Amino acid sequence: MTTKQRPDAGKSHGRSTSAFAPKCTALWLAALLSLGVTLAEAETPTRVVSMNLCTDQLAMMLAAPGQLISVSSIAHDPFTSPMHIEAQAYPTNYGSAEEIFLLAPDLVLAGSYSNPTTIAMLRRLRLRVEQIDLVEDLSQVATRLREVGEILDRTAEAEAAVDVFEARLEELRAPVPGGPLTAFYYPNGYTLGTETLSHEILSAAGIPHLAERLGRAFSGRLALEELVMADPAMIITSDPYPAASRSEEILRHPAMRRLTEPHGAFVAGNEWICGTPHVLAALEELAHERAARQ
């Protein structure tokens, strides 16, 4: 694995302001509103813009040819997007209300954590905005596929994707729990709790999660001393970005090296971030890792 997980990558990453001076931007938007610009909601949207990493993936999987006209800039980042190659076929947006409006979409797909100011401005400009919730359980992957399929008027394609996903998920689920006690550990000592998609992936692989033993439902910082005392047999972490980062120094601590011997840390890739069928790749790699450590 060469890609890197950022636990908050599925959240808002857009900018809510443009390069214009605030006064000019306000005047420009006021002028647009004074025109009474309205983009009617067609029964089948034909100009769809996605401004969120997870909706990027769902839209690229389900949209009809020519239906999706722009994806978020982060969709092109191989560290966070499992579809960064497919994303090259689409123009990017940086999540600002001004640039999205100028694309004249009849539908904007956003995440539940997308910038609320941007979302409010887009709706004030009378654009249709659909916000898609994060996935915290593997069963919700099918729900999101169906939801976006219905929004795009691509229900048949969504159902086909659901069938393939659910069949493969059942094949990959571990029949018997076991494997090494595992902890997630990221820059700044950030760890994941049990109320996360990553925990669900780990559970589907039949691998015990340290957070469950510690009673940590939510994600947050875990002191290195606590991690060492818990003595997990496997650490799931991320590849460092090319530039130096003080937040990543904790991952190079001698204590971390001892914890990850002799197999090394397991590197979680971009397929862990969003609740899409790409999580199956994470589950498959975990199955191989579990077998290698037994």
Foldseek 3Di string as FASTA:
>chain_A
DAAFDDQCQQAAQADADDPDDPVVVVVVLVVLVVVVDADDQDQAWQEEEEAGQQVQVLCLQFADVNRYAEYAPCCLPQNAHPCNVVRVVHHHDRLYLVVVVVSVTQEYEYAPRHDPSRVVSNVSSHHHYDYDYFDQALVCQLVRLCVVCNNNVRNVSSVVQSVVLVVLLVVLFDPEADFWAEWEAEFQQKTAACRGLVVNLCVSLNYHYVNVVVVNHGIDHDDPVNVLVSLTQAYEYANDDPDDDPSHVVCVDPSNVVSQPPPGHHYDGNLSHGNYSSSSVVSVVVNVVRVVVD
